[in-house]
């Protein structure tokens, strides 16, 4: 699932993570960064921030 940094994607991410948690609470989630407009470190920071924001919404 591709999650962007915009709030609607965070809502989608929260629903996605909640569904995964129902199936397997210990399931790992990988971060991939493919945004060519950000350098690798900033892209990873953005992806991690989005994932953490989504997880807080559960």
N, C-alpha and C. Protein backbone atom coordinates (compact mmCIF):
# COMPACT_ATOMS: atom_id res chain seq x y z
N UNK A 1 0.84 -1.16 0.00
CA UNK A 1 0.00 0.00 0.00
C UNK A 1 0.88 1.23 0.00
N UNK A 2 0.59 2.15 -0.86
CA UNK A 2 1.37 3.38 -0.94
C UNK A 2 0.72 4.45 -0.08
N UNK A 3 1.48 4.98 0.86
CA UNK A 3 0.99 6.04 1.74
C UNK A 3 1.78 7.30 1.48
N UNK A 4 1.10 8.37 1.22
CA UNK A 4 1.76 9.66 1.06
C UNK A 4 1.78 10.41 2.38
N UNK A 5 2.26 11.62 2.34
CA UNK A 5 2.35 12.42 3.56
C UNK A 5 1.09 13.23 3.84
N UNK A 6 0.16 13.29 2.91
CA UNK A 6 -1.05 14.10 3.10
C UNK A 6 -1.99 13.44 4.09
N UNK A 7 -2.75 14.22 4.84
CA UNK A 7 -3.67 13.66 5.84
C UNK A 7 -4.64 12.59 5.32
N UNK A 8 -5.23 12.72 4.11
CA UNK A 8 -6.12 11.64 3.67
C UNK A 8 -5.41 10.29 3.61
N UNK A 9 -4.13 10.30 3.22
CA UNK A 9 -3.38 9.06 3.17
C UNK A 9 -3.14 8.51 4.56
N UNK A 10 -3.00 9.40 5.53
CA UNK A 10 -2.82 8.96 6.90
C UNK A 10 -4.08 8.25 7.38
N UNK A 11 -5.25 8.76 7.00
CA UNK A 11 -6.51 8.09 7.36
C UNK A 11 -6.56 6.71 6.72
N UNK A 12 -6.19 6.64 5.46
CA UNK A 12 -6.13 5.35 4.77
C UNK A 12 -5.13 4.43 5.46
N UNK A 13 -4.00 4.98 5.82
CA UNK A 13 -2.98 4.20 6.52
C UNK A 13 -3.46 3.68 7.86
N UNK A 14 -4.23 4.50 8.58
CA UNK A 14 -4.76 4.08 9.87
C UNK A 14 -5.71 2.90 9.68
N UNK A 15 -6.58 2.99 8.69
CA UNK A 15 -7.51 1.87 8.42
C UNK A 15 -6.74 0.62 8.01
N UNK A 16 -5.71 0.80 7.21
CA UNK A 16 -4.89 -0.33 6.76
C UNK A 16 -4.19 -0.99 7.94
N UNK A 17 -3.57 -0.19 8.80
CA UNK A 17 -2.87 -0.75 9.97
C UNK A 17 -3.84 -1.41 10.94
N UNK A 18 -5.02 -0.83 11.11
CA UNK A 18 -6.03 -1.43 11.99
C UNK A 18 -6.45 -2.80 11.47
N UNK A 19 -6.60 -2.92 10.14
CA UNK A 19 -6.97 -4.21 9.55
C UNK A 19 -5.85 -5.23 9.75
N UNK A 20 -4.61 -4.81 9.57
CA UNK A 20 -3.48 -5.72 9.80
C UNK A 20 -3.43 -6.16 11.25
N UNK A 21 -3.70 -5.25 12.16
CA UNK A 21 -3.66 -5.57 13.59
C UNK A 21 -4.71 -6.62 13.94
N UNK A 22 -5.86 -6.57 13.30
CA UNK A 22 -6.90 -7.58 13.55
C UNK A 22 -6.45 -8.97 13.12
N UNK A 23 -5.70 -9.01 12.01
CA UNK A 23 -5.23 -10.28 11.47
C UNK A 23 -4.05 -10.82 12.29
N UNK A 24 -3.07 -9.95 12.56
CA UNK A 24 -1.86 -10.37 13.27
C UNK A 24 -1.23 -9.14 13.93
N UNK A 25 -1.47 -8.94 15.23
CA UNK A 25 -0.95 -7.75 15.92
C UNK A 25 0.57 -7.60 15.86
N UNK A 26 1.28 -8.68 15.63
CA UNK A 26 2.74 -8.62 15.58
C UNK A 26 3.31 -8.49 14.18
N UNK A 27 2.43 -8.30 13.18
CA UNK A 27 2.89 -8.24 11.80
C UNK A 27 3.78 -7.02 11.56
N UNK A 28 4.89 -7.23 10.90
CA UNK A 28 5.80 -6.14 10.56
C UNK A 28 5.28 -5.37 9.34
N UNK A 29 5.58 -4.08 9.31
CA UNK A 29 5.21 -3.23 8.18
C UNK A 29 6.50 -2.59 7.67
N UNK A 30 6.76 -2.71 6.38
CA UNK A 30 7.98 -2.16 5.79
C UNK A 30 7.74 -0.76 5.24
N UNK A 31 8.76 0.06 5.30
CA UNK A 31 8.72 1.40 4.73
C UNK A 31 9.54 1.38 3.44
N UNK A 32 8.94 1.86 2.37
CA UNK A 32 9.65 2.03 1.11
C UNK A 32 9.55 3.49 0.70
N UNK A 33 10.61 4.02 0.19
CA UNK A 33 10.63 5.42 -0.23
C UNK A 33 10.92 5.48 -1.72
N UNK A 34 9.96 6.02 -2.48
CA UNK A 34 10.12 6.12 -3.93
C UNK A 34 9.89 7.53 -4.45
N UNK A 35 9.74 8.50 -3.56
CA UNK A 35 9.47 9.88 -3.97
C UNK A 35 10.75 10.52 -4.49
N UNK A 36 10.80 10.76 -5.78
CA UNK A 36 12.01 11.31 -6.40
C UNK A 36 12.25 12.78 -6.05
N UNK A 37 11.23 13.45 -5.49
CA UNK A 37 11.38 14.86 -5.13
C UNK A 37 12.10 15.04 -3.79
N UNK A 38 12.23 13.97 -3.02
CA UNK A 38 12.91 14.05 -1.73
C UNK A 38 14.20 13.25 -1.78
N UNK A 39 15.21 13.72 -1.04
CA UNK A 39 16.43 12.92 -0.98
C UNK A 39 16.14 11.69 -0.12
N UNK A 40 16.99 10.67 -0.18
CA UNK A 40 16.69 9.41 0.51
C UNK A 40 16.40 9.56 2.01
N UNK A 41 17.17 10.37 2.72
CA UNK A 41 16.95 10.52 4.16
C UNK A 41 15.64 11.25 4.44
N UNK A 42 15.37 12.35 3.74
CA UNK A 42 14.12 13.07 3.96
C UNK A 42 12.92 12.22 3.56
N UNK A 43 13.05 11.44 2.51
CA UNK A 43 11.97 10.53 2.10
C UNK A 43 11.67 9.49 3.17
N UNK A 44 12.72 8.94 3.76
CA UNK A 44 12.54 7.96 4.83
C UNK A 44 11.90 8.61 6.05
N UNK A 45 12.35 9.82 6.39
CA UNK A 45 11.74 10.54 7.52
C UNK A 45 10.25 10.77 7.28
N UNK A 46 9.91 11.20 6.08
CA UNK A 46 8.51 11.47 5.74
C UNK A 46 7.69 10.18 5.81
N UNK A 47 8.23 9.11 5.26
CA UNK A 47 7.52 7.82 5.29
C UNK A 47 7.34 7.34 6.73
N UNK A 48 8.37 7.45 7.55
CA UNK A 48 8.29 7.02 8.94
C UNK A 48 7.28 7.87 9.71
N UNK A 49 7.31 9.17 9.49
CA UNK A 49 6.37 10.08 10.17
C UNK A 49 4.93 9.72 9.79
N UNK A 50 4.68 9.47 8.52
CA UNK A 50 3.35 9.11 8.06
C UNK A 50 2.88 7.80 8.69
N UNK A 51 3.77 6.81 8.73
CA UNK A 51 3.43 5.52 9.32
C UNK A 51 3.14 5.67 10.82
N UNK A 52 3.96 6.44 11.52
CA UNK A 52 3.73 6.65 12.96
C UNK A 52 2.43 7.41 13.20
N UNK A 53 2.14 8.41 12.39
CA UNK A 53 0.88 9.14 12.52
C UNK A 53 -0.31 8.20 12.29
N UNK A 54 -0.20 7.34 11.31
CA UNK A 54 -1.27 6.38 11.03
C UNK A 54 -1.45 5.42 12.21
N UNK A 55 -0.34 4.96 12.77
CA UNK A 55 -0.41 4.04 13.92
C UNK A 55 -1.04 4.70 15.14
N UNK A 56 -0.79 5.98 15.33
CA UNK A 56 -1.39 6.70 16.47
C UNK A 56 -2.91 6.79 16.32
N UNK A 57 -3.40 6.71 15.10
CA UNK A 57 -4.83 6.82 14.85
C UNK A 57 -5.62 5.56 15.17
N UNK A 58 -4.93 4.48 15.47
CA UNK A 58 -5.62 3.20 15.75
C UNK A 58 -6.24 3.26 17.14
